[in-house]
Amino acid sequence: MKKTILKRSVASTLSFLMAFSSAVPSSVVYAEESGIESEIAKDYVATLSQTQNGTTSFVTDGNKTQAPATHAQGDKVEVAVEPEEGFNAAKIEVKNADGTVVASLEDGKVTANDEGNYTFEMPASNVTIGVSFEAAKKEMAGSETKTEEKKTEEVKEEVKANIFDEFFDKYKNSCT
């Protein structure tokens, strides 16, 4: 995906840039002709690292794919993060080729959007997006409720047994 940024539009300059950019696809080209300055932005590759306990995919126009995607510097890159049942996303990091973290949830450069996906701004380098998942923490309120329900049932059974024993003792004593 090539982007053309023009300060002033001139058809001959645009034609020159289009022809020149296809001859030199992976470089930034500056052309000056008659005082007009143009730039053709370089595309960078974003890839997804392998994950366990969940999946990640790129989202483009509502479609999900796990294939590497190309973006120009400054583009918004959207990633869907889907943990398996019982897991949550713990860490999301965007690393450049030398392994340096260039964006993460912790630094606020990776943010959640309204669709529940995550976005970041593409830097001027190839990147790998890594997501780690952790086991979801069980809610204490639910386990405390189950413990209380169990205790309540035990108390009910004990009361029933005591009532039965008391009734049986009275019946036995009245028969003698």
Protein backbone atom coordinates (compact mmCIF):
# COMPACT_ATOMS: atom_id res chain seq x y z
CA MET A 1 0.00 0.00 0.00
CA LYS A 2 1.67 3.23 -1.15
CA LYS A 3 0.65 6.65 0.10
CA THR A 4 1.32 9.85 -1.76
CA ILE A 5 1.48 13.12 0.13
CA LEU A 6 1.49 16.24 -2.05
CA LYS A 7 1.85 19.88 -1.05
CA ARG A 8 0.68 21.03 -4.51
CA SER A 9 -0.84 18.77 -7.16
CA VAL A 10 0.72 18.71 -10.61
CA ALA A 11 -0.13 15.85 -12.98
CA SER A 12 3.35 15.49 -14.42
CA THR A 13 4.97 15.26 -11.00
CA LEU A 14 2.45 12.68 -9.86
CA SER A 15 3.10 10.55 -12.98
CA PHE A 16 6.84 10.81 -12.39
CA LEU A 17 6.46 9.74 -8.76
CA MET A 18 4.19 6.80 -9.56
CA ALA A 19 6.63 5.47 -12.17
CA PHE A 20 9.63 6.06 -9.94
CA SER A 21 8.03 4.52 -6.83
CA SER A 22 7.34 1.22 -8.62
CA ALA A 23 11.01 1.04 -9.63
CA VAL A 24 12.14 1.57 -6.02
CA PRO A 25 9.38 -0.12 -3.94
CA SER A 26 11.00 -0.28 -0.50
CA SER A 27 12.47 3.17 -0.05
CA VAL A 28 11.23 6.62 0.79
CA VAL A 29 11.43 8.81 -2.29
CA TYR A 30 11.70 12.58 -2.28
CA ALA A 31 11.20 14.28 -5.61
CA GLU A 32 11.48 17.93 -6.32
CA GLU A 33 10.35 19.21 -9.65
CA SER A 34 9.45 22.84 -10.16
CA GLY A 35 9.45 23.42 -6.37
CA ILE A 36 6.90 20.67 -5.62
CA GLU A 37 7.88 18.26 -2.85
CA SER A 38 6.30 14.79 -2.58
CA GLU A 39 6.86 11.73 -0.43
CA ILE A 40 5.90 8.14 -1.04
CA ALA A 41 5.66 6.36 2.30
CA LYS A 42 7.35 3.01 2.88
CA ASP A 43 5.29 0.05 4.01
CA TYR A 44 6.36 -2.00 7.02
CA VAL A 45 5.34 -5.55 7.91
CA ALA A 46 3.45 -6.45 11.07
CA THR A 47 3.34 -10.12 12.10
CA LEU A 48 1.67 -11.99 14.94
CA SER A 49 3.72 -14.21 17.23
CA GLN A 50 2.46 -17.65 18.23
CA THR A 51 0.31 -17.68 21.34
CA GLN A 52 -0.93 -20.28 23.80
CA ASN A 53 -4.36 -20.26 25.46
CA GLY A 54 -5.86 -17.85 22.92
CA THR A 55 -5.68 -16.46 19.41
CA THR A 56 -4.75 -13.16 17.82
CA SER A 57 -5.58 -11.80 14.39
CA PHE A 58 -5.39 -8.57 12.42
CA VAL A 59 -8.68 -6.78 11.79
CA THR A 60 -9.09 -4.93 8.48
CA ASP A 61 -12.49 -3.61 7.44
CA GLY A 62 -14.14 -6.00 9.91
CA ASN A 63 -12.33 -9.07 8.52
CA LYS A 64 -9.90 -11.08 10.63
CA THR A 65 -6.68 -12.62 9.32
CA GLN A 66 -3.51 -14.01 10.81
CA ALA A 67 -1.42 -13.33 7.71
CA PRO A 68 1.30 -10.69 8.04
CA ALA A 69 0.01 -7.22 7.14
CA THR A 70 1.74 -4.19 5.65
CA HIS A 71 1.20 -0.68 6.96
CA ALA A 72 2.76 2.73 6.49
CA GLN A 73 4.24 4.56 9.46
CA GLY A 74 1.44 6.20 11.43
CA ASP A 75 -1.33 3.81 10.30
CA LYS A 76 -3.62 2.46 13.01
CA VAL A 77 -3.17 -1.30 13.29
CA GLU A 78 -6.08 -3.23 14.84
CA VAL A 79 -5.59 -6.62 16.49
CA ALA A 80 -8.31 -8.95 17.81
CA VAL A 81 -7.34 -10.85 20.97
CA GLU A 82 -9.49 -13.87 21.84
CA PRO A 83 -8.56 -15.83 24.97
CA GLU A 84 -9.68 -19.44 25.36
CA GLU A 85 -12.27 -20.15 28.05
CA GLY A 86 -10.78 -19.65 31.50
CA PHE A 87 -8.04 -17.26 30.32
CA ASN A 88 -7.52 -13.49 30.00
CA ALA A 89 -5.07 -11.44 27.96
CA ALA A 90 -2.23 -10.57 30.34
CA LYS A 91 0.27 -8.71 28.18
CA ILE A 92 0.27 -7.18 24.71
CA GLU A 93 3.57 -5.95 23.27
CA VAL A 94 4.69 -4.67 19.88
CA LYS A 95 8.40 -5.31 19.25
CA ASN A 96 10.65 -4.13 16.42
CA ALA A 97 13.16 -6.39 14.62
CA ASP A 98 15.80 -6.17 17.38
CA GLY A 99 13.26 -7.14 20.07
CA THR A 100 12.79 -3.68 21.58
CA VAL A 101 9.25 -3.03 22.81
CA VAL A 102 7.93 -0.04 20.84
CA ALA A 103 4.31 -0.18 22.13
CA SER A 104 2.46 -2.01 24.90
CA LEU A 105 -0.59 -1.86 27.13
CA GLU A 106 1.66 -0.80 30.00
CA ASP A 107 2.99 2.30 28.22
CA GLY A 108 -0.46 3.20 26.83
CA LYS A 109 0.62 2.98 23.18
CA VAL A 110 -1.60 -0.09 22.74
CA THR A 111 -5.22 0.74 23.57
CA ALA A 112 -8.56 -1.08 23.59
CA ASN A 113 -11.19 0.19 21.15
CA ASP A 114 -15.00 0.08 21.23
CA GLU A 115 -15.11 -3.34 19.49
CA GLY A 116 -12.97 -4.93 22.22
CA ASN A 117 -9.93 -5.11 19.94
CA TYR A 118 -6.57 -3.41 20.46
CA THR A 119 -4.93 -0.73 18.32
CA PHE A 120 -1.50 0.83 18.03
CA GLU A 121 0.22 3.25 15.66
CA MET A 122 2.57 1.59 13.19
CA PRO A 123 6.17 2.70 13.77
CA ALA A 124 8.77 3.16 11.03
CA SER A 125 9.93 -0.46 11.32
CA ASN A 126 8.77 -4.04 10.88
CA VAL A 127 7.10 -5.30 14.08
CA THR A 128 5.90 -8.46 15.80
CA ILE A 129 2.84 -8.36 18.04
CA GLY A 130 2.98 -10.70 21.03
CA VAL A 131 0.11 -11.52 23.37
CA SER A 132 0.37 -13.66 26.48
CA PHE A 133 -2.59 -15.12 28.32
CA GLU A 134 -3.01 -16.04 31.97
CA ALA A 135 -5.54 -18.20 33.76
CA ALA A 136 -8.59 -16.20 34.81
CA LYS A 137 -8.82 -15.68 38.54
CA LYS A 138 -11.78 -17.36 40.17
CA GLU A 139 -14.11 -14.98 41.92
CA MET A 140 -14.03 -15.28 45.69
CA ALA A 141 -17.64 -14.15 46.00
CA GLY A 142 -18.82 -17.21 44.06
CA SER A 143 -16.81 -19.66 46.18
CA GLU A 144 -17.87 -17.94 49.41
CA THR A 145 -21.50 -18.21 48.31
CA LYS A 146 -21.09 -21.94 47.61
CA THR A 147 -19.45 -22.43 51.02
CA GLU A 148 -22.32 -20.60 52.72
CA GLU A 149 -24.89 -22.67 50.78
CA LYS A 150 -23.13 -25.87 51.87
CA LYS A 151 -23.10 -24.77 55.51
CA THR A 152 -26.79 -23.85 55.29
CA GLU A 153 -27.65 -27.30 53.92
CA GLU A 154 -25.62 -28.97 56.68
CA VAL A 155 -27.46 -26.94 59.33
CA LYS A 156 -30.85 -27.82 57.78
CA GLU A 157 -30.00 -31.53 57.84
CA GLU A 158 -28.85 -31.29 61.45
CA VAL A 159 -32.06 -29.50 62.47
CA LYS A 160 -34.17 -32.13 60.67
CA ALA A 161 -32.29 -34.92 62.44
CA ASN A 162 -32.74 -33.21 65.84
CA ILE A 163 -36.46 -32.68 65.27
CA PHE A 164 -36.90 -36.29 64.20
CA ASP A 165 -34.92 -37.57 67.20
CA GLU A 166 -36.91 -35.34 69.58
CA PHE A 167 -40.23 -36.44 68.05
CA PHE A 168 -39.23 -40.11 68.12
CA ASP A 169 -38.14 -39.83 71.77
CA LYS A 170 -41.51 -38.24 72.74
CA TYR A 171 -43.42 -40.91 70.78
CA LYS A 172 -41.39 -43.69 72.38
CA ASN A 173 -41.93 -42.26 75.87
CA SER A 174 -45.68 -41.86 75.29
CA CYS A 175 -45.97 -45.52 74.27
CA THR A 176 -44.44 -46.86 77.45
